[in-house]
Full PDB file with SEQRES, HELIX, SHEET, SSBOND, CRYST1, ORIGX, SCALE, CONECT and MASTER records, all heavy atoms in Angstrom:
SEQRES   1 A   38  LEU GLY LYS LEU PRO ILE PHE GLY ILE CYS LEU GLY HIS          
SEQRES   2 A   38  GLN LEU LEU CYS ARG ALA LEU GLY ALA THR THR TYR LYS          
SEQRES   3 A   38  LEU LYS PHE GLY HIS ARG GLY LEU ASN GLN PRO VAL              
HELIX    1 AA1 LEU A   11  ALA A   19  1                                   9    
CRYST1    1.000    1.000    1.000  90.00  90.00  90.00 P 1           1          
ORIGX1      1.000000  0.000000  0.000000        0.00000                         
ORIGX2      0.000000  1.000000  0.000000        0.00000                         
ORIGX3      0.000000  0.000000  1.000000        0.00000                         
SCALE1      1.000000  0.000000  0.000000        0.00000                         
SCALE2      0.000000  1.000000  0.000000        0.00000                         
SCALE3      0.000000  0.000000  1.000000        0.00000                         
ATOM      1  N   LEU A   1     101.680 282.813  36.780  1.00  0.00           N  
ATOM      2  CA  LEU A   1     101.225 282.356  35.466  1.00  0.00           C  
ATOM      3  C   LEU A   1     100.442 283.471  34.776  1.00  0.00           C  
ATOM      4  O   LEU A   1      99.534 284.099  35.381  1.00  0.00           O  
ATOM      5  CB  LEU A   1     100.353 281.116  35.577  1.00  0.00           C  
ATOM      6  CG  LEU A   1     101.071 279.785  35.743  1.00  0.00           C  
ATOM      7  CD1 LEU A   1     100.126 278.690  36.049  1.00  0.00           C  
ATOM      8  CD2 LEU A   1     101.857 279.456  34.438  1.00  0.00           C  
ATOM      9  N   GLY A   2     100.785 283.718  33.515  1.00  0.00           N  
ATOM     10  CA  GLY A   2     100.063 284.685  32.647  1.00  0.00           C  
ATOM     11  C   GLY A   2     100.585 286.115  32.832  1.00  0.00           C  
ATOM     12  O   GLY A   2     100.215 286.989  32.095  1.00  0.00           O  
ATOM     13  N   LYS A   3     101.376 286.374  33.859  1.00  0.00           N  
ATOM     14  CA  LYS A   3     101.863 287.723  34.093  1.00  0.00           C  
ATOM     15  C   LYS A   3     103.153 288.031  33.326  1.00  0.00           C  
ATOM     16  O   LYS A   3     103.418 289.217  33.069  1.00  0.00           O  
ATOM     17  CB  LYS A   3     102.094 287.972  35.579  1.00  0.00           C  
ATOM     18  CG  LYS A   3     100.755 287.847  36.411  1.00  0.00           C  
ATOM     19  CD  LYS A   3     100.997 288.034  37.885  1.00  0.00           C  
ATOM     20  CE  LYS A   3      99.659 287.893  38.613  1.00  0.00           C  
ATOM     21  NZ  LYS A   3      99.828 288.027  40.104  1.00  0.00           N  
ATOM     22  N   LEU A   4     103.941 287.068  32.996  1.00  0.00           N  
ATOM     23  CA  LEU A   4     105.174 287.222  32.270  1.00  0.00           C  
ATOM     24  C   LEU A   4     105.632 285.825  31.818  1.00  0.00           C  
ATOM     25  O   LEU A   4     105.212 284.820  32.346  1.00  0.00           O  
ATOM     26  CB  LEU A   4     106.218 287.939  33.089  1.00  0.00           C  
ATOM     27  CG  LEU A   4     106.935 287.204  34.272  1.00  0.00           C  
ATOM     28  CD1 LEU A   4     107.964 288.133  34.947  1.00  0.00           C  
ATOM     29  CD2 LEU A   4     106.004 286.715  35.356  1.00  0.00           C  
ATOM     30  N   PRO A   5     106.585 285.778  30.880  1.00  0.00           N  
ATOM     31  CA  PRO A   5     107.071 284.474  30.375  1.00  0.00           C  
ATOM     32  C   PRO A   5     107.736 283.665  31.466  1.00  0.00           C  
ATOM     33  O   PRO A   5     108.427 284.138  32.341  1.00  0.00           O  
ATOM     34  CB  PRO A   5     108.024 284.828  29.283  1.00  0.00           C  
ATOM     35  CG  PRO A   5     107.609 286.157  28.856  1.00  0.00           C  
ATOM     36  CD  PRO A   5     107.129 286.867  30.063  1.00  0.00           C  
ATOM     37  N   ILE A   6     107.469 282.352  31.455  1.00  0.00           N  
ATOM     38  CA  ILE A   6     108.020 281.411  32.402  1.00  0.00           C  
ATOM     39  C   ILE A   6     108.656 280.214  31.647  1.00  0.00           C  
ATOM     40  O   ILE A   6     108.048 279.688  30.699  1.00  0.00           O  
ATOM     41  CB  ILE A   6     106.950 280.883  33.393  1.00  0.00           C  
ATOM     42  CG1 ILE A   6     106.327 281.984  34.174  1.00  0.00           C  
ATOM     43  CG2 ILE A   6     107.536 279.784  34.315  1.00  0.00           C  
ATOM     44  CD1 ILE A   6     105.193 281.530  35.058  1.00  0.00           C  
ATOM     45  N   PHE A   7     109.857 279.882  32.025  1.00  0.00           N  
ATOM     46  CA  PHE A   7     110.567 278.743  31.390  1.00  0.00           C  
ATOM     47  C   PHE A   7     111.042 277.816  32.555  1.00  0.00           C  
ATOM     48  O   PHE A   7     111.668 278.280  33.467  1.00  0.00           O  
ATOM     49  CB  PHE A   7     111.805 279.267  30.594  1.00  0.00           C  
ATOM     50  CG  PHE A   7     112.696 278.247  30.023  1.00  0.00           C  
ATOM     51  CD1 PHE A   7     112.271 276.979  29.697  1.00  0.00           C  
ATOM     52  CD2 PHE A   7     114.012 278.585  29.807  1.00  0.00           C  
ATOM     53  CE1 PHE A   7     113.153 276.053  29.121  1.00  0.00           C  
ATOM     54  CE2 PHE A   7     114.942 277.674  29.306  1.00  0.00           C  
ATOM     55  CZ  PHE A   7     114.475 276.397  28.979  1.00  0.00           C  
ATOM     56  N   GLY A   8     110.704 276.538  32.489  1.00  0.00           N  
ATOM     57  CA  GLY A   8     111.095 275.593  33.508  1.00  0.00           C  
ATOM     58  C   GLY A   8     111.935 274.414  32.901  1.00  0.00           C  
ATOM     59  O   GLY A   8     111.753 274.025  31.809  1.00  0.00           O  
ATOM     60  N   ILE A   9     112.871 273.909  33.766  1.00  0.00           N  
ATOM     61  CA  ILE A   9     113.677 272.773  33.428  1.00  0.00           C  
ATOM     62  C   ILE A   9     113.598 271.737  34.584  1.00  0.00           C  
ATOM     63  O   ILE A   9     113.691 272.133  35.719  1.00  0.00           O  
ATOM     64  CB  ILE A   9     115.143 273.192  33.183  1.00  0.00           C  
ATOM     65  CG1 ILE A   9     115.342 273.919  31.835  1.00  0.00           C  
ATOM     66  CG2 ILE A   9     116.059 271.984  33.198  1.00  0.00           C  
ATOM     67  CD1 ILE A   9     116.707 274.445  31.609  1.00  0.00           C  
ATOM     68  N   CYS A  10     113.372 270.494  34.175  1.00  0.00           N  
ATOM     69  CA  CYS A  10     113.402 269.332  35.132  1.00  0.00           C  
ATOM     70  C   CYS A  10     112.379 269.487  36.242  1.00  0.00           C  
ATOM     71  O   CYS A  10     111.197 269.457  35.990  1.00  0.00           O  
ATOM     72  CB  CYS A  10     114.819 269.107  35.601  1.00  0.00           C  
ATOM     73  SG  CYS A  10     115.101 267.435  36.193  1.00  0.00           S  
ATOM     74  N   LEU A  11     112.862 269.650  37.513  1.00  0.00           N  
ATOM     75  CA  LEU A  11     111.851 269.875  38.563  1.00  0.00           C  
ATOM     76  C   LEU A  11     111.037 271.098  38.299  1.00  0.00           C  
ATOM     77  O   LEU A  11     109.833 271.111  38.575  1.00  0.00           O  
ATOM     78  CB  LEU A  11     112.606 270.048  39.917  1.00  0.00           C  
ATOM     79  CG  LEU A  11     111.688 270.309  41.164  1.00  0.00           C  
ATOM     80  CD1 LEU A  11     110.725 269.184  41.393  1.00  0.00           C  
ATOM     81  CD2 LEU A  11     112.508 270.595  42.356  1.00  0.00           C  
ATOM     82  N   GLY A  12     111.633 272.126  37.761  1.00  0.00           N  
ATOM     83  CA  GLY A  12     110.885 273.364  37.374  1.00  0.00           C  
ATOM     84  C   GLY A  12     109.770 273.036  36.355  1.00  0.00           C  
ATOM     85  O   GLY A  12     108.662 273.642  36.417  1.00  0.00           O  
ATOM     86  N   HIS A  13     110.066 272.131  35.429  1.00  0.00           N  
ATOM     87  CA  HIS A  13     109.040 271.698  34.502  1.00  0.00           C  
ATOM     88  C   HIS A  13     107.896 270.953  35.217  1.00  0.00           C  
ATOM     89  O   HIS A  13     106.726 271.230  34.971  1.00  0.00           O  
ATOM     90  CB  HIS A  13     109.737 270.758  33.475  1.00  0.00           C  
ATOM     91  CG  HIS A  13     108.902 269.753  32.829  1.00  0.00           C  
ATOM     92  ND1 HIS A  13     107.976 270.125  31.793  1.00  0.00           N  
ATOM     93  CD2 HIS A  13     108.691 268.423  33.015  1.00  0.00           C  
ATOM     94  CE1 HIS A  13     107.362 268.983  31.386  1.00  0.00           C  
ATOM     95  NE2 HIS A  13     107.805 267.982  32.072  1.00  0.00           N  
ATOM     96  N   GLN A  14     108.293 270.068  36.122  1.00  0.00           N  
ATOM     97  CA  GLN A  14     107.211 269.358  36.867  1.00  0.00           C  
ATOM     98  C   GLN A  14     106.346 270.229  37.720  1.00  0.00           C  
ATOM     99  O   GLN A  14     105.105 270.070  37.751  1.00  0.00           O  
ATOM    100  CB  GLN A  14     107.943 268.292  37.734  1.00  0.00           C  
ATOM    101  CG  GLN A  14     108.694 267.226  36.959  1.00  0.00           C  
ATOM    102  CD  GLN A  14     109.686 266.450  37.768  1.00  0.00           C  
ATOM    103  OE1 GLN A  14     109.860 266.690  38.979  1.00  0.00           O  
ATOM    104  NE2 GLN A  14     110.413 265.512  37.198  1.00  0.00           N  
ATOM    105  N   LEU A  15     107.012 271.187  38.365  1.00  0.00           N  
ATOM    106  CA  LEU A  15     106.235 272.153  39.224  1.00  0.00           C  
ATOM    107  C   LEU A  15     105.344 273.030  38.404  1.00  0.00           C  
ATOM    108  O   LEU A  15     104.193 273.312  38.755  1.00  0.00           O  
ATOM    109  CB  LEU A  15     107.234 272.982  40.053  1.00  0.00           C  
ATOM    110  CG  LEU A  15     108.026 272.199  41.097  1.00  0.00           C  
ATOM    111  CD1 LEU A  15     109.097 273.105  41.723  1.00  0.00           C  
ATOM    112  CD2 LEU A  15     107.174 271.543  42.136  1.00  0.00           C  
ATOM    113  N   LEU A  16     105.847 273.497  37.245  1.00  0.00           N  
ATOM    114  CA  LEU A  16     104.997 274.279  36.354  1.00  0.00           C  
ATOM    115  C   LEU A  16     103.779 273.477  35.891  1.00  0.00           C  
ATOM    116  O   LEU A  16     102.632 273.975  35.937  1.00  0.00           O  
ATOM    117  CB  LEU A  16     105.799 274.729  35.126  1.00  0.00           C  
ATOM    118  CG  LEU A  16     105.021 275.412  34.019  1.00  0.00           C  
ATOM    119  CD1 LEU A  16     104.383 276.729  34.518  1.00  0.00           C  
ATOM    120  CD2 LEU A  16     105.892 275.668  32.816  1.00  0.00           C  
ATOM    121  N   CYS A  17     104.052 272.212  35.535  1.00  0.00           N  
ATOM    122  CA  CYS A  17     102.902 271.380  35.071  1.00  0.00           C  
ATOM    123  C   CYS A  17     101.883 271.131  36.183  1.00  0.00           C  
ATOM    124  O   CYS A  17     100.674 271.112  35.926  1.00  0.00           O  
ATOM    125  CB  CYS A  17     103.439 270.079  34.476  1.00  0.00           C  
ATOM    126  SG  CYS A  17     104.276 270.275  32.911  1.00  0.00           S  
ATOM    127  N   ARG A  18     102.344 270.932  37.412  1.00  0.00           N  
ATOM    128  CA  ARG A  18     101.416 270.779  38.542  1.00  0.00           C  
ATOM    129  C   ARG A  18     100.623 272.108  38.690  1.00  0.00           C  
ATOM    130  O   ARG A  18      99.438 272.033  39.077  1.00  0.00           O  
ATOM    131  CB  ARG A  18     102.218 270.454  39.787  1.00  0.00           C  
ATOM    132  CG  ARG A  18     102.757 269.021  39.746  1.00  0.00           C  
ATOM    133  CD  ARG A  18     103.361 268.610  41.036  1.00  0.00           C  
ATOM    134  NE  ARG A  18     102.345 268.411  42.076  1.00  0.00           N  
ATOM    135  CZ  ARG A  18     101.709 267.252  42.325  1.00  0.00           C  
ATOM    136  NH1 ARG A  18     101.962 266.189  41.590  1.00  0.00           N  
ATOM    137  NH2 ARG A  18     100.799 267.163  43.234  1.00  0.00           N  
ATOM    138  N   ALA A  19     101.272 273.255  38.535  1.00  0.00           N  
ATOM    139  CA  ALA A  19     100.561 274.525  38.579  1.00  0.00           C  
ATOM    140  C   ALA A  19      99.486 274.649  37.512  1.00  0.00           C  
ATOM    141  O   ALA A  19      98.554 275.376  37.630  1.00  0.00           O  
ATOM    142  CB  ALA A  19     101.559 275.679  38.549  1.00  0.00           C  
ATOM    143  N   LEU A  20      99.735 273.940  36.358  1.00  0.00           N  
ATOM    144  CA  LEU A  20      98.780 273.958  35.263  1.00  0.00           C  
ATOM    145  C   LEU A  20      97.726 272.869  35.435  1.00  0.00           C  
ATOM    146  O   LEU A  20      96.890 272.658  34.534  1.00  0.00           O  
ATOM    147  CB  LEU A  20      99.509 273.767  33.962  1.00  0.00           C  
ATOM    148  CG  LEU A  20     100.450 274.914  33.498  1.00  0.00           C  
ATOM    149  CD1 LEU A  20     101.266 274.524  32.336  1.00  0.00           C  
ATOM    150  CD2 LEU A  20      99.573 276.113  33.142  1.00  0.00           C  
ATOM    151  N   GLY A  21      97.692 272.134  36.556  1.00  0.00           N  
ATOM    152  CA  GLY A  21      96.696 271.115  36.812  1.00  0.00           C  
ATOM    153  C   GLY A  21      97.115 269.666  36.603  1.00  0.00           C  
ATOM    154  O   GLY A  21      96.316 268.811  36.820  1.00  0.00           O  
ATOM    155  N   ALA A  22      98.368 269.446  36.193  1.00  0.00           N  
ATOM    156  CA  ALA A  22      98.837 268.093  35.892  1.00  0.00           C  
ATOM    157  C   ALA A  22      99.250 267.366  37.154  1.00  0.00           C  
ATOM    158  O   ALA A  22      99.473 267.942  38.213  1.00  0.00           O  
ATOM    159  CB  ALA A  22      99.944 268.101  34.895  1.00  0.00           C  
ATOM    160  N   THR A  23      99.379 266.022  37.026  1.00  0.00           N  
ATOM    161  CA  THR A  23      99.912 265.240  38.161  1.00  0.00           C  
ATOM    162  C   THR A  23     101.216 264.656  37.680  1.00  0.00           C  
ATOM    163  O   THR A  23     101.627 264.643  36.475  1.00  0.00           O  
ATOM    164  CB  THR A  23      98.990 264.077  38.439  1.00  0.00           C  
ATOM    165  OG1 THR A  23      98.786 263.281  37.287  1.00  0.00           O  
ATOM    166  CG2 THR A  23      97.630 264.563  38.949  1.00  0.00           C  
ATOM    167  N   THR A  24     102.032 264.259  38.682  1.00  0.00           N  
ATOM    168  CA  THR A  24     103.290 263.639  38.422  1.00  0.00           C  
ATOM    169  C   THR A  24     103.391 262.265  39.068  1.00  0.00           C  
ATOM    170  O   THR A  24     102.649 261.968  39.996  1.00  0.00           O  
ATOM    171  CB  THR A  24     104.472 264.516  38.959  1.00  0.00           C  
ATOM    172  OG1 THR A  24     104.193 264.855  40.322  1.00  0.00           O  
ATOM    173  CG2 THR A  24     104.639 265.824  38.176  1.00  0.00           C  
ATOM    174  N   TYR A  25     104.263 261.416  38.563  1.00  0.00           N  
ATOM    175  CA  TYR A  25     104.435 260.106  39.151  1.00  0.00           C  
ATOM    176  C   TYR A  25     105.912 259.666  39.039  1.00  0.00           C  
ATOM    177  O   TYR A  25     106.696 260.249  38.304  1.00  0.00           O  
ATOM    178  CB  TYR A  25     103.528 259.079  38.431  1.00  0.00           C  
ATOM    179  CG  TYR A  25     103.838 258.891  36.990  1.00  0.00           C  
ATOM    180  CD1 TYR A  25     104.685 257.801  36.552  1.00  0.00           C  
ATOM    181  CD2 TYR A  25     103.247 259.685  35.994  1.00  0.00           C  
ATOM    182  CE1 TYR A  25     104.934 257.618  35.207  1.00  0.00           C  
ATOM    183  CE2 TYR A  25     103.517 259.485  34.640  1.00  0.00           C  
ATOM    184  CZ  TYR A  25     104.373 258.426  34.240  1.00  0.00           C  
ATOM    185  OH  TYR A  25     104.602 258.203  32.902  1.00  0.00           O  
ATOM    186  N   LYS A  26     106.291 258.708  39.849  1.00  0.00           N  
ATOM    187  CA  LYS A  26     107.668 258.162  39.914  1.00  0.00           C  
ATOM    188  C   LYS A  26     107.900 257.118  38.858  1.00  0.00           C  
ATOM    189  O   LYS A  26     107.132 256.138  38.724  1.00  0.00           O  
ATOM    190  CB  LYS A  26     108.014 257.683  41.303  1.00  0.00           C  
ATOM    191  CG  LYS A  26     109.468 257.562  41.548  1.00  0.00           C  
ATOM    192  CD  LYS A  26     109.754 257.194  43.043  1.00  0.00           C  
ATOM    193  CE  LYS A  26     111.228 257.298  43.344  1.00  0.00           C  
ATOM    194  NZ  LYS A  26     112.103 256.430  42.548  1.00  0.00           N  
ATOM    195  N   LEU A  27     108.986 257.270  38.123  1.00  0.00           N  
ATOM    196  CA  LEU A  27     109.391 256.202  37.174  1.00  0.00           C  
ATOM    197  C   LEU A  27     110.018 255.025  37.938  1.00  0.00           C  
ATOM    198  O   LEU A  27     110.463 255.154  39.088  1.00  0.00           O  
ATOM    199  CB  LEU A  27     110.456 256.774  36.194  1.00  0.00           C  
ATOM    200  CG  LEU A  27     109.900 257.808  35.208  1.00  0.00           C  
ATOM    201  CD1 LEU A  27     111.040 258.488  34.540  1.00  0.00           C  
ATOM    202  CD2 LEU A  27     109.005 257.154  34.162  1.00  0.00           C  
ATOM    203  N   LYS A  28     110.060 253.889  37.271  1.00  0.00           N  
ATOM    204  CA  LYS A  28     110.632 252.678  37.893  1.00  0.00           C  
ATOM    205  C   LYS A  28     112.069 252.918  38.286  1.00  0.00           C  
ATOM    206  O   LYS A  28     112.511 252.593  39.417  1.00  0.00           O  
ATOM    207  CB  LYS A  28     110.460 251.470  36.970  1.00  0.00           C  
ATOM    208  CG  LYS A  28     110.964 250.178  37.587  1.00  0.00           C  
ATOM    209  CD  LYS A  28     110.657 248.995  36.664  1.00  0.00           C  
ATOM    210  CE  LYS A  28     111.110 247.705  37.283  1.00  0.00           C  
ATOM    211  NZ  LYS A  28     110.855 246.542  36.404  1.00  0.00           N  
ATOM    212  N   PHE A  29     112.889 253.390  37.310  1.00  0.00           N  
ATOM    213  CA  PHE A  29     114.267 253.657  37.613  1.00  0.00           C  
ATOM    214  C   PHE A  29     114.786 255.007  37.051  1.00  0.00           C  
ATOM    215  O   PHE A  29     116.000 255.298  37.142  1.00  0.00           O  
ATOM    216  CB  PHE A  29     115.207 252.453  37.135  1.00  0.00           C  
ATOM    217  CG  PHE A  29     114.963 252.125  35.670  1.00  0.00           C  
ATOM    218  CD1 PHE A  29     115.609 252.849  34.672  1.00  0.00           C  
ATOM    219  CD2 PHE A  29     114.194 251.036  35.357  1.00  0.00           C  
ATOM    220  CE1 PHE A  29     115.379 252.462  33.353  1.00  0.00           C  
ATOM    221  CE2 PHE A  29     113.973 250.734  34.032  1.00  0.00           C  
ATOM    222  CZ  PHE A  29     114.595 251.445  32.996  1.00  0.00           C  
ATOM    223  N   GLY A  30     113.938 255.773  36.494  1.00  0.00           N  
ATOM    224  CA  GLY A  30     114.310 257.150  36.101  1.00  0.00           C  
ATOM    225  C   GLY A  30     115.078 257.228  34.801  1.00  0.00           C  
ATOM    226  O   GLY A  30     115.391 256.197  34.161  1.00  0.00           O  
ATOM    227  N   HIS A  31     115.375 258.436  34.403  1.00  0.00           N  
ATOM    228  CA  HIS A  31     116.217 258.727  33.242  1.00  0.00           C  
ATOM    229  C   HIS A  31     117.372 259.543  33.671  1.00  0.00           C  
ATOM    230  O   HIS A  31     117.292 260.639  34.157  1.00  0.00           O  
ATOM    231  CB  HIS A  31     115.435 259.559  32.214  1.00  0.00           C  
ATOM    232  CG  HIS A  31     114.162 258.958  31.666  1.00  0.00           C  
ATOM    233  ND1 HIS A  31     113.091 259.738  31.410  1.00  0.00           N  
ATOM    234  CD2 HIS A  31     113.820 257.717  31.440  1.00  0.00           C  
ATOM    235  CE1 HIS A  31     112.079 258.966  30.943  1.00  0.00           C  
ATOM    236  NE2 HIS A  31     112.540 257.687  30.996  1.00  0.00           N  
ATOM    237  N   ARG A  32     118.573 258.963  33.564  1.00  0.00           N  
ATOM    238  CA  ARG A  32     119.817 259.661  33.974  1.00  0.00           C  
ATOM    239  C   ARG A  32     120.920 259.298  33.018  1.00  0.00           C  
ATOM    240  O   ARG A  32     121.301 258.138  32.906  1.00  0.00           O  
ATOM    241  CB  ARG A  32     120.195 259.303  35.423  1.00  0.00           C  
ATOM    242  CG  ARG A  32     119.126 259.695  36.452  1.00  0.00           C  
ATOM    243  CD  ARG A  32     119.463 259.194  37.877  1.00  0.00           C  
ATOM    244  NE  ARG A  32     118.420 259.562  38.772  1.00  0.00           N  
ATOM    245  CZ  ARG A  32     117.322 258.803  39.040  1.00  0.00           C  
ATOM    246  NH1 ARG A  32     117.132 257.675  38.409  1.00  0.00           N  
ATOM    247  NH2 ARG A  32     116.398 259.217  39.855  1.00  0.00           N  
ATOM    248  N   GLY A  33     121.432 260.346  32.372  1.00  0.00           N  
ATOM    249  CA  GLY A  33     122.512 260.114  31.423  1.00  0.00           C  
ATOM    250  C   GLY A  33     122.567 261.200  30.394  1.00  0.00           C  
ATOM    251  O   GLY A  33     121.783 262.169  30.416  1.00  0.00           O  
ATOM    252  N   LEU A  34     123.521 261.055  29.434  1.00  0.00           N  
ATOM    253  CA  LEU A  34     123.813 262.106  28.442  1.00  0.00           C  
ATOM    254  C   LEU A  34     123.324 261.707  27.066  1.00  0.00           C  
ATOM    255  O   LEU A  34     123.613 262.432  26.089  1.00  0.00           O  
ATOM    256  CB  LEU A  34     125.307 262.367  28.364  1.00  0.00           C  
ATOM    257  CG  LEU A  34     126.048 262.491  29.722  1.00  0.00           C  
ATOM    258  CD1 LEU A  34     127.527 262.824  29.460  1.00  0.00           C  
ATOM    259  CD2 LEU A  34     125.453 263.553  30.623  1.00  0.00           C  
ATOM    260  N   ASN A  35     122.600 260.604  26.953  1.00  0.00           N  
ATOM    261  CA  ASN A  35     122.244 260.077  25.650  1.00  0.00           C  
ATOM    262  C   ASN A  35     120.761 259.773  25.510  1.00  0.00           C  
ATOM    263  O   ASN A  35     120.422 258.756  24.885  1.00  0.00           O  
ATOM    264  CB  ASN A  35     123.133 258.819  25.353  1.00  0.00           C  
ATOM    265  CG  ASN A  35     123.010 257.838  26.486  1.00  0.00           C  
ATOM    266  OD1 ASN A  35     122.350 258.029  27.486  1.00  0.00           O  
ATOM    267  ND2 ASN A  35     123.688 256.700  26.374  1.00  0.00           N  
ATOM    268  N   GLN A  36     119.950 260.566  26.078  1.00  0.00           N  
ATOM    269  CA  GLN A  36     118.483 260.311  26.109  1.00  0.00           C  
ATOM    270  C   GLN A  36     117.816 260.943  24.843  1.00  0.00           C  
ATOM    271  O   GLN A  36     117.878 262.165  24.698  1.00  0.00           O  
ATOM    272  CB  GLN A  36     117.936 260.889  27.391  1.00  0.00           C  
ATOM    273  CG  GLN A  36     118.599 260.443  28.701  1.00  0.00           C  
ATOM    274  CD  GLN A  36     118.183 259.003  29.038  1.00  0.00           C  
ATOM    275  OE1 GLN A  36     117.105 258.550  28.832  1.00  0.00           O  
ATOM    276  NE2 GLN A  36     119.085 258.293  29.669  1.00  0.00           N  
ATOM    277  N   PRO A  37     117.159 260.168  24.045  1.00  0.00           N  
ATOM    278  CA  PRO A  37     116.561 260.651  22.809  1.00  0.00           C  
ATOM    279  C   PRO A  37     115.159 261.295  23.061  1.00  0.00           C  
ATOM    280  O   PRO A  37     114.300 260.691  23.670  1.00  0.00           O  
ATOM    281  CB  PRO A  37     116.424 259.465  21.870  1.00  0.00           C  
ATOM    282  CG  PRO A  37     116.239 258.287  22.839  1.00  0.00           C  
ATOM    283  CD  PRO A  37     117.039 258.660  24.118  1.00  0.00           C  
ATOM    284  N   VAL A  38     114.924 262.506  22.551  1.00  0.00           N  
ATOM    285  CA  VAL A  38     113.681 263.214  22.730  1.00  0.00           C  
ATOM    286  C   VAL A  38     113.195 263.734  21.379  1.00  0.00           C  
ATOM    287  O   VAL A  38     113.972 264.179  20.565  1.00  0.00           O  
ATOM    288  CB  VAL A  38     113.910 264.404  23.676  1.00  0.00           C  
ATOM    289  CG1 VAL A  38     112.687 265.359  23.716  1.00  0.00           C  
ATOM    290  CG2 VAL A  38     114.125 263.918  25.136  1.00  0.00           C  
TER     291      VAL A  38                                                      
MASTER        0    0    0    1    0    0    0    6  290    1    0    3          
END                                                                             
């Protein structure tokens, strides 16, 4: 962190956020599919 640009996706996003001090939790049934609105 801070030494060069970092880009994370999915688990990489979660791990980056944990490195930034955040916590993670399990969803009831998750998000899986091709039609998820963000």
